[in-house]
Amino acid sequence: MVVPVETLVEVDTLNTGMSTIASPSANSTQQIEGDWHVHMQTLNVAFVVQNVYDSAVSGPVAGGPNVSHHQWEARYSVQTTDRILSGMTFSGTHQQAQSLKIVSDGSAGGLGVSGQILTTSAGATRLVLNKNELGVPSDPVGVCNATGNLIIGVTPGPYKNGAVFDTSTTVATKLYEILNDIPDVCHTFNPILVKL
């Protein structure tokens, strides 16, 4: 079983790509001065496929255990940063899609037996700061760093590399399973920012 290595990420390290989204625009004809909410996010996943055996049908008479189903066990690391920039001037709102890259041993473009899903470009937004009727900011502020485990792609029978259940056409479904579960542990993670 592949054991992912976890590294602690300093907040400033997360913001190294922030210069384009959080720096004032210098050459725009229309400038907007005010308070802004800036959001950045990354997600990295290490995964390995496991056959799950049905011990109820095994024994000395029945022989070895049968494979009930297979599944991908995924270890994720997600980071989001939400900040308020007060009194800054920008040319307007901004959105940058988060790009992911899959590195795996899949022979048919699928996830394969093991691999990683890596953020190659952080997702980011810069929006006018939301305030309530009292003028208090209502957008989230802070940092979320979370790691955990997920089970995705539960499929009947034993795993076969390149089989119909693990091809390039089935990868998006497994990625959606991950993306839909991450906001439960890091509520500021926005799956819509991820470009598949």
Protein backbone atom coordinates (compact mmCIF):
# COMPACT_ATOMS: atom_id res chain seq x y z
CA MET A 1 0.00 0.00 0.00
CA VAL A 2 1.30 3.44 -0.91
CA VAL A 3 1.72 5.67 2.14
CA PRO A 4 1.62 9.35 1.16
CA VAL A 5 4.14 11.69 2.71
CA GLU A 6 2.57 14.73 4.34
CA THR A 7 4.31 18.08 4.43
CA LEU A 8 3.27 21.06 6.44
CA VAL A 9 2.59 24.12 4.32
CA GLU A 10 3.23 27.58 5.74
CA VAL A 11 0.56 30.17 5.00
CA ASP A 12 3.05 32.40 3.12
CA THR A 13 4.02 29.43 0.94
CA LEU A 14 0.40 29.10 -0.15
CA ASN A 15 0.38 32.70 -1.29
CA THR A 16 3.46 32.69 -3.51
CA GLY A 17 1.22 32.66 -6.59
CA MET A 18 -0.91 35.43 -5.15
CA SER A 19 1.04 38.31 -6.71
CA THR A 20 -1.10 38.40 -9.85
CA ILE A 21 -4.40 38.31 -8.01
CA ALA A 22 -3.56 40.38 -4.93
CA SER A 23 -1.44 43.15 -6.37
CA PRO A 24 -2.99 46.40 -7.56
CA SER A 25 -3.45 46.81 -11.29
CA ALA A 26 -1.09 49.39 -12.76
CA ASN A 27 -2.19 49.79 -16.36
CA SER A 28 -5.97 49.41 -16.42
CA THR A 29 -8.09 52.29 -17.67
CA GLN A 30 -10.89 51.60 -15.18
CA GLN A 31 -9.87 51.17 -11.55
CA ILE A 32 -12.12 50.13 -8.67
CA GLU A 33 -11.04 51.09 -5.17
CA GLY A 34 -12.51 49.35 -2.17
CA ASP A 35 -12.44 46.26 0.00
CA TRP A 36 -11.92 42.88 -1.63
CA HIS A 37 -12.28 39.22 -0.66
CA VAL A 38 -9.50 37.01 -2.04
CA HIS A 39 -9.74 33.18 -2.02
CA MET A 40 -7.10 30.60 -3.03
CA GLN A 41 -7.26 26.80 -2.93
CA THR A 42 -5.18 23.71 -3.68
CA LEU A 43 -5.89 19.98 -3.45
CA ASN A 44 -3.51 17.04 -3.70
CA VAL A 45 -4.46 13.37 -3.49
CA ALA A 46 -2.50 10.09 -3.32
CA PHE A 47 -4.49 6.94 -4.09
CA VAL A 48 -4.18 3.17 -4.31
CA VAL A 49 -6.72 0.55 -5.43
CA GLN A 50 -7.72 -2.21 -3.03
CA ASN A 51 -9.61 -5.43 -3.65
CA VAL A 52 -12.10 -6.04 -0.83
CA TYR A 53 -12.63 -9.71 -0.03
CA ASP A 54 -15.85 -11.34 1.10
CA SER A 55 -14.79 -13.57 3.99
CA ALA A 56 -18.33 -14.94 4.41
CA VAL A 57 -17.90 -17.14 1.33
CA SER A 58 -14.44 -18.47 2.16
CA GLY A 59 -13.30 -21.37 4.22
CA PRO A 60 -11.79 -24.85 3.91
CA VAL A 61 -14.69 -26.10 1.79
CA ALA A 62 -15.32 -23.01 -0.32
CA GLY A 63 -11.64 -22.21 -0.91
CA GLY A 64 -10.06 -18.80 -0.68
CA PRO A 65 -12.10 -15.65 -0.25
CA ASN A 66 -13.80 -14.11 -3.26
CA VAL A 67 -13.32 -10.49 -4.18
CA SER A 68 -16.56 -8.70 -3.36
CA HIS A 69 -15.55 -5.38 -4.93
CA HIS A 70 -12.63 -3.02 -5.43
CA GLN A 71 -12.21 0.63 -4.45
CA TRP A 72 -9.68 3.43 -4.50
CA GLU A 73 -8.43 4.53 -1.10
CA ALA A 74 -7.45 8.17 -1.34
CA ARG A 75 -5.42 10.33 1.05
CA TYR A 76 -6.09 14.03 0.41
CA SER A 77 -4.52 17.29 1.49
CA VAL A 78 -6.54 20.47 0.91
CA GLN A 79 -5.61 24.07 1.64
CA THR A 80 -7.72 27.22 1.31
CA THR A 81 -6.82 30.79 2.19
CA ASP A 82 -9.41 33.57 2.47
CA ARG A 83 -8.33 37.16 3.08
CA ILE A 84 -9.72 40.67 3.04
CA LEU A 85 -7.76 43.37 1.24
CA SER A 86 -8.94 46.79 2.44
CA GLY A 87 -8.64 50.01 0.49
CA MET A 88 -7.07 48.37 -2.56
CA THR A 89 -7.52 49.36 -6.21
CA PHE A 90 -8.01 46.71 -8.91
CA SER A 91 -9.40 46.66 -12.42
CA GLY A 92 -12.26 44.40 -11.28
CA THR A 93 -13.08 40.91 -10.14
CA HIS A 94 -10.93 37.95 -11.10
CA GLN A 95 -11.32 34.18 -11.25
CA GLN A 96 -8.64 31.60 -12.00
CA ALA A 97 -9.55 27.95 -12.43
CA GLN A 98 -7.73 25.33 -10.36
CA SER A 99 -5.96 22.87 -12.65
CA LEU A 100 -5.30 19.27 -11.67
CA LYS A 101 -2.87 16.75 -13.13
CA ILE A 102 -3.24 12.99 -12.70
CA VAL A 103 -0.05 10.92 -12.49
CA SER A 104 -0.82 7.20 -12.38
CA ASP A 105 0.05 3.77 -13.69
CA GLY A 106 -3.35 3.40 -15.42
CA SER A 107 -2.91 1.70 -18.79
CA ALA A 108 -6.13 3.03 -20.35
CA GLY A 109 -6.03 6.59 -19.06
CA GLY A 110 -7.75 5.65 -15.82
CA LEU A 111 -6.52 5.96 -12.25
CA GLY A 112 -4.74 2.62 -12.35
CA VAL A 113 -3.47 0.80 -9.26
CA SER A 114 -1.84 3.86 -7.69
CA GLY A 115 -1.00 7.45 -8.35
CA GLN A 116 -1.49 11.09 -7.46
CA ILE A 117 -3.78 13.97 -8.35
CA LEU A 118 -1.78 17.19 -8.10
CA THR A 119 -2.71 20.86 -8.27
CA THR A 120 -0.71 22.45 -11.07
CA SER A 121 -2.38 25.86 -10.77
CA ALA A 122 -4.19 27.08 -7.64
CA GLY A 123 -7.81 28.13 -7.92
CA ALA A 124 -8.38 31.76 -6.99
CA THR A 125 -11.04 34.46 -6.89
CA ARG A 126 -10.97 38.16 -6.15
CA LEU A 127 -14.42 39.63 -5.50
CA VAL A 128 -15.83 42.80 -3.99
CA LEU A 129 -16.12 42.18 -0.25
CA ASN A 130 -19.64 41.27 0.95
CA LYS A 131 -20.85 43.18 4.01
CA ASN A 132 -24.00 42.86 6.08
CA GLU A 133 -26.41 45.74 6.78
CA LEU A 134 -24.12 46.96 9.59
CA GLY A 135 -21.11 47.12 7.27
CA VAL A 136 -19.43 44.09 8.85
CA PRO A 137 -17.67 41.76 6.35
CA SER A 138 -19.64 38.54 5.82
CA ASP A 139 -17.15 36.71 3.60
CA PRO A 140 -15.10 33.96 5.30
CA VAL A 141 -11.58 34.82 6.45
CA GLY A 142 -8.84 32.40 7.50
CA VAL A 143 -6.87 29.36 6.48
CA CYS A 144 -8.10 25.78 6.24
CA ASN A 145 -5.51 22.98 6.11
CA ALA A 146 -7.06 19.52 6.19
CA THR A 147 -5.95 15.98 5.45
CA GLY A 148 -7.98 12.82 5.50
CA ASN A 149 -8.99 9.62 3.77
CA LEU A 150 -11.75 8.89 1.28
CA ILE A 151 -13.00 5.77 -0.45
CA ILE A 152 -14.02 6.37 -4.06
CA GLY A 153 -14.99 4.36 -7.12
CA VAL A 154 -16.49 1.33 -5.37
CA THR A 155 -16.91 -1.19 -8.21
CA PRO A 156 -18.05 -4.86 -8.22
CA GLY A 157 -15.48 -7.61 -8.68
CA PRO A 158 -11.68 -7.59 -8.66
CA TYR A 159 -9.66 -4.72 -10.15
CA LYS A 160 -8.32 -5.19 -13.68
CA ASN A 161 -6.02 -2.47 -15.03
CA GLY A 162 -7.51 -1.05 -18.22
CA ALA A 163 -10.88 -2.73 -17.70
CA VAL A 164 -14.10 -0.92 -18.56
CA PHE A 165 -14.44 0.42 -14.99
CA ASP A 166 -11.09 2.27 -15.07
CA THR A 167 -10.57 4.22 -18.27
CA SER A 168 -10.16 7.88 -19.19
CA THR A 169 -13.97 8.15 -19.47
CA THR A 170 -14.50 7.09 -15.83
CA VAL A 171 -11.86 9.33 -14.22
CA ALA A 172 -14.11 12.41 -14.02
CA THR A 173 -16.70 10.50 -11.97
CA LYS A 174 -14.08 9.52 -9.41
CA LEU A 175 -12.73 13.08 -9.29
CA TYR A 176 -16.25 14.41 -8.68
CA GLU A 177 -16.57 12.03 -5.73
CA ILE A 178 -13.47 13.62 -4.18
CA LEU A 179 -14.44 17.21 -5.05
CA ASN A 180 -17.94 16.81 -3.60
CA ASP A 181 -16.62 15.42 -0.28
CA ILE A 182 -13.86 18.01 0.36
CA PRO A 183 -16.20 20.91 1.36
CA ASP A 184 -17.41 18.73 4.27
CA VAL A 185 -13.96 19.03 5.88
CA CYS A 186 -12.91 22.40 4.46
CA HIS A 187 -16.09 24.44 3.94
CA THR A 188 -14.37 27.22 1.95
CA PHE A 189 -13.16 24.79 -0.75
CA ASN A 190 -15.09 25.56 -3.94
CA PRO A 191 -15.42 22.56 -6.34
CA ILE A 192 -16.69 24.88 -9.08
CA LEU A 193 -13.23 26.46 -9.33
CA VAL A 194 -11.69 23.12 -10.40
CA LYS A 195 -11.22 22.65 -14.12
CA LEU A 196 -11.56 19.00 -15.18
